[in-house]
């Protein structure tokens, strides 16, 4: 789906550019799916690192204390063996997986519902890490992303133009960022136009 669908959802949820509230942002299911799919395609960081605090053996491989282990958080959500059409943007992708993952991530009970626990691997989407050392700012970051998207789409429409790089090519840095600046045509929802 396009940003227009998110924009229409925002217009219905917040008529006349009403200020977003926490309770309403939390209930915006389609915006959740769009953000999660966007972050699956373009996570903030390409890896998570941990240092082993004790000697450990995993699958007959000895890992000594002090070893730095890196998990490729960018590569896992791009793997075709886990995600159908991983390079495509599908916000409604395996809706049940996203719903179960995030609802149970925030709940105090079981991480996954009984119906889905065998079909969902929580380690395929590690945007904020997992377990007791996941990102302490996760909820704050997600809420701020939602707020930013809502406020931007209440006031502007974004469209590709001839300078827009499609598909987006990423640079080699540790933080995921485009090789070239993202150029879009920005239209004010009040009728003025800026950009290319």
C-alpha atoms as a PDB file:
ATOM      1  CA  UNK A   1       0.000   0.000   0.000  1.00  0.00           C
ATOM      2  CA  UNK A   2       1.113   3.556  -0.577  1.00  0.00           C
ATOM      3  CA  UNK A   3       1.538   6.508   1.738  1.00  0.00           C
ATOM      4  CA  UNK A   4      -1.857   7.674   0.454  1.00  0.00           C
ATOM      5  CA  UNK A   5      -3.513   4.808   2.363  1.00  0.00           C
ATOM      6  CA  UNK A   6      -1.711   5.802   5.538  1.00  0.00           C
ATOM      7  CA  UNK A   7      -2.639   9.419   4.856  1.00  0.00           C
ATOM      8  CA  UNK A   8      -6.303   8.501   4.404  1.00  0.00           C
ATOM      9  CA  UNK A   9      -6.206   6.488   7.633  1.00  0.00           C
ATOM     10  CA  UNK A  10      -4.685   9.479   9.431  1.00  0.00           C
ATOM     11  CA  UNK A  11      -7.332  11.839   7.998  1.00  0.00           C
ATOM     12  CA  UNK A  12     -10.124   9.565   9.227  1.00  0.00           C
ATOM     13  CA  UNK A  13      -8.526   9.033  12.643  1.00  0.00           C
ATOM     14  CA  UNK A  14      -7.609  12.712  13.156  1.00  0.00           C
ATOM     15  CA  UNK A  15     -10.173  14.791  11.206  1.00  0.00           C
ATOM     16  CA  UNK A  16      -9.278  18.427  10.464  1.00  0.00           C
ATOM     17  CA  UNK A  17      -5.655  17.816  11.513  1.00  0.00           C
ATOM     18  CA  UNK A  18      -6.683  17.075  15.100  1.00  0.00           C
ATOM     19  CA  UNK A  19      -3.692  16.627  17.408  1.00  0.00           C
ATOM     20  CA  UNK A  20      -2.699  12.970  17.839  1.00  0.00           C
ATOM     21  CA  UNK A  21      -3.137  11.431  21.270  1.00  0.00           C
ATOM     22  CA  UNK A  22      -1.191   8.549  22.768  1.00  0.00           C
ATOM     23  CA  UNK A  23      -4.270   6.320  23.026  1.00  0.00           C
ATOM     24  CA  UNK A  24      -5.234   6.908  19.400  1.00  0.00           C
ATOM     25  CA  UNK A  25      -1.692   6.389  18.072  1.00  0.00           C
ATOM     26  CA  UNK A  26      -1.507   3.051  19.891  1.00  0.00           C
ATOM     27  CA  UNK A  27      -4.691   1.889  18.140  1.00  0.00           C
ATOM     28  CA  UNK A  28      -3.568   2.751  14.573  1.00  0.00           C
ATOM     29  CA  UNK A  29      -3.081  -0.798  13.289  1.00  0.00           C
ATOM     30  CA  UNK A  30      -2.291   0.040   9.655  1.00  0.00           C
ATOM     31  CA  UNK A  31       0.267   2.688  10.650  1.00  0.00           C
ATOM     32  CA  UNK A  32       1.869   0.038  12.896  1.00  0.00           C
ATOM     33  CA  UNK A  33       2.123  -2.370   9.972  1.00  0.00           C
ATOM     34  CA  UNK A  34       3.584   0.285   7.652  1.00  0.00           C
ATOM     35  CA  UNK A  35       6.224   1.285  10.212  1.00  0.00           C
ATOM     36  CA  UNK A  36       7.151  -2.319  10.998  1.00  0.00           C
ATOM     37  CA  UNK A  37       7.469  -3.216   7.330  1.00  0.00           C
ATOM     38  CA  UNK A  38       9.507  -0.052   6.670  1.00  0.00           C
ATOM     39  CA  UNK A  39      11.824  -0.932   9.537  1.00  0.00           C
ATOM     40  CA  UNK A  40      12.064  -4.524   8.320  1.00  0.00           C
ATOM     41  CA  UNK A  41      13.326  -3.236   4.963  1.00  0.00           C
ATOM     42  CA  UNK A  42      15.453  -0.424   6.390  1.00  0.00           C
ATOM     43  CA  UNK A  43      16.374  -1.014  10.043  1.00  0.00           C
ATOM     44  CA  UNK A  44      18.286   1.677  11.905  1.00  0.00           C
ATOM     45  CA  UNK A  45      21.381  -0.444  12.518  1.00  0.00           C
ATOM     46  CA  UNK A  46      22.759  -3.386  10.580  1.00  0.00           C
ATOM     47  CA  UNK A  47      23.750  -5.497  13.558  1.00  0.00           C
ATOM     48  CA  UNK A  48      23.496  -6.063  17.292  1.00  0.00           C
ATOM     49  CA  UNK A  49      26.655  -6.861  19.236  1.00  0.00           C
ATOM     50  CA  UNK A  50      27.026  -8.667  22.541  1.00  0.00           C
ATOM     51  CA  UNK A  51      30.127  -9.618  24.548  1.00  0.00           C
ATOM     52  CA  UNK A  52      30.146 -13.055  26.161  1.00  0.00           C
ATOM     53  CA  UNK A  53      30.459 -12.705  29.940  1.00  0.00           C
ATOM     54  CA  UNK A  54      31.422 -16.349  30.472  1.00  0.00           C
ATOM     55  CA  UNK A  55      32.776 -19.285  28.518  1.00  0.00           C
ATOM     56  CA  UNK A  56      30.036 -21.020  26.595  1.00  0.00           C
ATOM     57  CA  UNK A  57      29.540 -23.947  24.263  1.00  0.00           C
ATOM     58  CA  UNK A  58      26.781 -23.783  21.649  1.00  0.00           C
ATOM     59  CA  UNK A  59      26.248 -26.729  19.299  1.00  0.00           C
ATOM     60  CA  UNK A  60      29.719 -28.085  20.177  1.00  0.00           C
ATOM     61  CA  UNK A  61      31.388 -24.746  19.358  1.00  0.00           C
ATOM     62  CA  UNK A  62      33.364 -23.234  22.240  1.00  0.00           C
ATOM     63  CA  UNK A  63      32.992 -19.458  22.667  1.00  0.00           C
ATOM     64  CA  UNK A  64      35.488 -17.976  25.148  1.00  0.00           C
ATOM     65  CA  UNK A  65      34.714 -15.177  27.588  1.00  0.00           C
ATOM     66  CA  UNK A  66      35.131 -11.718  26.042  1.00  0.00           C
ATOM     67  CA  UNK A  67      34.191 -12.813  22.518  1.00  0.00           C
ATOM     68  CA  UNK A  68      32.141 -10.247  20.604  1.00  0.00           C
ATOM     69  CA  UNK A  69      29.207 -11.873  18.833  1.00  0.00           C
ATOM     70  CA  UNK A  70      27.370  -9.958  16.105  1.00  0.00           C
ATOM     71  CA  UNK A  71      23.825 -10.679  14.939  1.00  0.00           C
ATOM     72  CA  UNK A  72      23.064  -9.371  11.411  1.00  0.00           C
ATOM     73  CA  UNK A  73      19.794  -7.543  12.095  1.00  0.00           C
ATOM     74  CA  UNK A  74      19.766  -6.170   8.536  1.00  0.00           C
ATOM     75  CA  UNK A  75      20.296  -9.535   6.830  1.00  0.00           C
ATOM     76  CA  UNK A  76      17.715 -11.603   8.737  1.00  0.00           C
ATOM     77  CA  UNK A  77      14.626  -9.657   7.584  1.00  0.00           C
ATOM     78  CA  UNK A  78      15.974  -9.749   4.005  1.00  0.00           C
ATOM     79  CA  UNK A  79      16.320 -13.550   3.867  1.00  0.00           C
ATOM     80  CA  UNK A  80      13.985 -15.153   1.321  1.00  0.00           C
ATOM     81  CA  UNK A  81      13.908 -18.439   3.239  1.00  0.00           C
ATOM     82  CA  UNK A  82      12.056 -16.634   6.052  1.00  0.00           C
ATOM     83  CA  UNK A  83      10.163 -13.845   4.269  1.00  0.00           C
ATOM     84  CA  UNK A  84       8.300 -14.252   0.965  1.00  0.00           C
ATOM     85  CA  UNK A  85       9.374 -11.504  -1.467  1.00  0.00           C
ATOM     86  CA  UNK A  86      11.683  -9.929   1.136  1.00  0.00           C
ATOM     87  CA  UNK A  87      12.673  -7.009  -1.109  1.00  0.00           C
ATOM     88  CA  UNK A  88       9.031  -5.955  -1.609  1.00  0.00           C
ATOM     89  CA  UNK A  89       7.109  -3.563   0.641  1.00  0.00           C
ATOM     90  CA  UNK A  90       4.023  -5.382   1.956  1.00  0.00           C
ATOM     91  CA  UNK A  91       2.680  -3.735   5.123  1.00  0.00           C
ATOM     92  CA  UNK A  92       0.055  -6.440   5.573  1.00  0.00           C
ATOM     93  CA  UNK A  93       2.735  -9.125   5.315  1.00  0.00           C
ATOM     94  CA  UNK A  94       1.952 -11.982   7.654  1.00  0.00           C
ATOM     95  CA  UNK A  95      -0.277  -9.740   9.709  1.00  0.00           C
ATOM     96  CA  UNK A  96      -0.662 -12.375  12.385  1.00  0.00           C
ATOM     97  CA  UNK A  97       3.113 -12.631  12.789  1.00  0.00           C
ATOM     98  CA  UNK A  98       3.473  -8.867  13.365  1.00  0.00           C
ATOM     99  CA  UNK A  99       0.478  -8.744  15.659  1.00  0.00           C
ATOM    100  CA  UNK A 100       1.625 -11.670  17.778  1.00  0.00           C
ATOM    101  CA  UNK A 101       5.224 -10.497  17.873  1.00  0.00           C
ATOM    102  CA  UNK A 102       4.541  -6.954  19.031  1.00  0.00           C
ATOM    103  CA  UNK A 103       1.539  -7.594  21.273  1.00  0.00           C
ATOM    104  CA  UNK A 104       3.385 -10.332  23.116  1.00  0.00           C
ATOM    105  CA  UNK A 105       6.598  -8.324  23.192  1.00  0.00           C
ATOM    106  CA  UNK A 106       4.810  -5.758  25.365  1.00  0.00           C
ATOM    107  CA  UNK A 107       2.801  -8.217  27.448  1.00  0.00           C
ATOM    108  CA  UNK A 108       3.914  -9.922  30.611  1.00  0.00           C
ATOM    109  CA  UNK A 109       2.676 -13.321  29.469  1.00  0.00           C
ATOM    110  CA  UNK A 110       3.889 -15.748  26.843  1.00  0.00           C
ATOM    111  CA  UNK A 111       5.872 -14.178  24.021  1.00  0.00           C
ATOM    112  CA  UNK A 112       3.688 -15.760  21.326  1.00  0.00           C
ATOM    113  CA  UNK A 113       0.104 -16.895  21.204  1.00  0.00           C
ATOM    114  CA  UNK A 114      -0.564 -20.624  21.440  1.00  0.00           C
ATOM    115  CA  UNK A 115      -1.831 -20.667  17.859  1.00  0.00           C
ATOM    116  CA  UNK A 116       1.334 -19.121  16.442  1.00  0.00           C
ATOM    117  CA  UNK A 117       4.176 -20.082  18.743  1.00  0.00           C
ATOM    118  CA  UNK A 118       5.423 -22.852  16.444  1.00  0.00           C
ATOM    119  CA  UNK A 119       5.293 -20.768  13.258  1.00  0.00           C
ATOM    120  CA  UNK A 120       6.953 -17.576  14.517  1.00  0.00           C
ATOM    121  CA  UNK A 121      10.668 -17.167  15.069  1.00  0.00           C
ATOM    122  CA  UNK A 122      11.203 -14.104  17.304  1.00  0.00           C
ATOM    123  CA  UNK A 123      14.810 -13.812  16.168  1.00  0.00           C
ATOM    124  CA  UNK A 124      13.991 -12.926  12.559  1.00  0.00           C
ATOM    125  CA  UNK A 125      13.040  -9.347  13.423  1.00  0.00           C
ATOM    126  CA  UNK A 126      15.506  -7.969  15.933  1.00  0.00           C
ATOM    127  CA  UNK A 127      15.125  -4.270  15.279  1.00  0.00           C
ATOM    128  CA  UNK A 128      15.221  -3.473  18.994  1.00  0.00           C
ATOM    129  CA  UNK A 129      16.902  -6.663  20.160  1.00  0.00           C
ATOM    130  CA  UNK A 130      15.126  -9.208  22.296  1.00  0.00           C
ATOM    131  CA  UNK A 131      15.183 -10.611  25.784  1.00  0.00           C
ATOM    132  CA  UNK A 132      16.259  -8.799  28.951  1.00  0.00           C
ATOM    133  CA  UNK A 133      18.715  -6.565  27.086  1.00  0.00           C
ATOM    134  CA  UNK A 134      16.461  -5.304  24.318  1.00  0.00           C
ATOM    135  CA  UNK A 135      16.398  -1.569  23.620  1.00  0.00           C
ATOM    136  CA  UNK A 136      15.219   0.389  26.643  1.00  0.00           C
ATOM    137  CA  UNK A 137      13.943   3.162  24.358  1.00  0.00           C
ATOM    138  CA  UNK A 138      11.901   0.903  22.060  1.00  0.00           C
ATOM    139  CA  UNK A 139       8.419   2.113  23.054  1.00  0.00           C
ATOM    140  CA  UNK A 140       9.565   5.741  23.049  1.00  0.00           C
ATOM    141  CA  UNK A 141      11.126   5.348  19.583  1.00  0.00           C
ATOM    142  CA  UNK A 142       8.054   3.652  18.092  1.00  0.00           C
ATOM    143  CA  UNK A 143       5.703   6.273  19.518  1.00  0.00           C
ATOM    144  CA  UNK A 144       7.876   9.109  18.200  1.00  0.00           C
ATOM    145  CA  UNK A 145       8.022   7.523  14.733  1.00  0.00           C
ATOM    146  CA  UNK A 146       4.228   7.257  14.701  1.00  0.00           C
ATOM    147  CA  UNK A 147       3.833  10.846  15.854  1.00  0.00           C
ATOM    148  CA  UNK A 148       6.286  12.131  13.230  1.00  0.00           C
ATOM    149  CA  UNK A 149       4.560  10.231  10.405  1.00  0.00           C
ATOM    150  CA  UNK A 150       1.107  11.421  11.484  1.00  0.00           C
ATOM    151  CA  UNK A 151       2.131  15.083  11.772  1.00  0.00           C
ATOM    152  CA  UNK A 152       4.027  15.017   8.461  1.00  0.00           C
ATOM    153  CA  UNK A 153       1.198  13.324   6.542  1.00  0.00           C
ATOM    154  CA  UNK A 154      -1.402  15.613   8.090  1.00  0.00           C
ATOM    155  CA  UNK A 155       0.413  18.556   6.513  1.00  0.00           C
ATOM    156  CA  UNK A 156       2.214  17.192   3.433  1.00  0.00           C
ATOM    157  CA  UNK A 157       2.017  14.593   0.670  1.00  0.00           C
ATOM    158  CA  UNK A 158       5.256  12.982  -0.528  1.00  0.00           C
ATOM    159  CA  UNK A 159       5.703  11.724  -4.088  1.00  0.00           C
ATOM    160  CA  UNK A 160       8.641  10.400  -6.099  1.00  0.00           C
ATOM    161  CA  UNK A 161      10.095  12.644  -8.799  1.00  0.00           C
ATOM    162  CA  UNK A 162      12.682  12.142 -11.559  1.00  0.00           C
ATOM    163  CA  UNK A 163      15.561  12.515  -9.047  1.00  0.00           C
ATOM    164  CA  UNK A 164      14.125   9.890  -6.689  1.00  0.00           C
ATOM    165  CA  UNK A 165      16.372   6.822  -6.600  1.00  0.00           C
ATOM    166  CA  UNK A 166      14.177   3.746  -7.131  1.00  0.00           C
ATOM    167  CA  UNK A 167      15.051   1.256  -5.838  1.00  0.00           C
ATOM    168  CA  UNK A 168      16.807   2.908  -2.937  1.00  0.00           C
ATOM    169  CA  UNK A 169      20.480   1.912  -2.711  1.00  0.00           C
ATOM    170  CA  UNK A 170      22.079   1.739   0.705  1.00  0.00           C
ATOM    171  CA  UNK A 171      25.544   2.860   1.725  1.00  0.00           C
ATOM    172  CA  UNK A 172      28.141   0.636   3.430  1.00  0.00           C
ATOM    173  CA  UNK A 173      28.008   2.400   6.816  1.00  0.00           C
ATOM    174  CA  UNK A 174      27.152   0.654  10.096  1.00  0.00           C
ATOM    175  CA  UNK A 175      23.957   2.658  10.388  1.00  0.00           C
ATOM    176  CA  UNK A 176      21.600   1.985   7.514  1.00  0.00           C
ATOM    177  CA  UNK A 177      21.469   5.029   5.237  1.00  0.00           C
ATOM    178  CA  UNK A 178      21.038   5.693   1.524  1.00  0.00           C
ATOM    179  CA  UNK A 179      24.017   6.151  -0.812  1.00  0.00           C
ATOM    180  CA  UNK A 180      22.468   9.385  -2.068  1.00  0.00           C
ATOM    181  CA  UNK A 181      20.014  11.781  -0.392  1.00  0.00           C
ATOM    182  CA  UNK A 182      16.363  10.831  -0.780  1.00  0.00           C
ATOM    183  CA  UNK A 183      14.733  13.377  -3.099  1.00  0.00           C
ATOM    184  CA  UNK A 184      10.939  13.620  -3.119  1.00  0.00           C
ATOM    185  CA  UNK A 185       8.314  16.052  -4.318  1.00  0.00           C
ATOM    186  CA  UNK A 186       6.649  17.559  -1.257  1.00  0.00           C
ATOM    187  CA  UNK A 187       3.167  18.998  -1.619  1.00  0.00           C
ATOM    188  CA  UNK A 188       1.578  21.011   1.129  1.00  0.00           C
ATOM    189  CA  UNK A 189      -1.890  19.743   1.897  1.00  0.00           C
ATOM    190  CA  UNK A 190      -2.867  23.407   1.956  1.00  0.00           C
ATOM    191  CA  UNK A 191      -2.128  23.685  -1.781  1.00  0.00           C
ATOM    192  CA  UNK A 192       1.491  24.886  -2.087  1.00  0.00           C
ATOM    193  CA  UNK A 193       4.233  22.792  -3.744  1.00  0.00           C
ATOM    194  CA  UNK A 194       7.986  22.595  -3.080  1.00  0.00           C
ATOM    195  CA  UNK A 195      10.834  20.341  -4.234  1.00  0.00           C
ATOM    196  CA  UNK A 196      11.780  18.898  -7.616  1.00  0.00           C
END
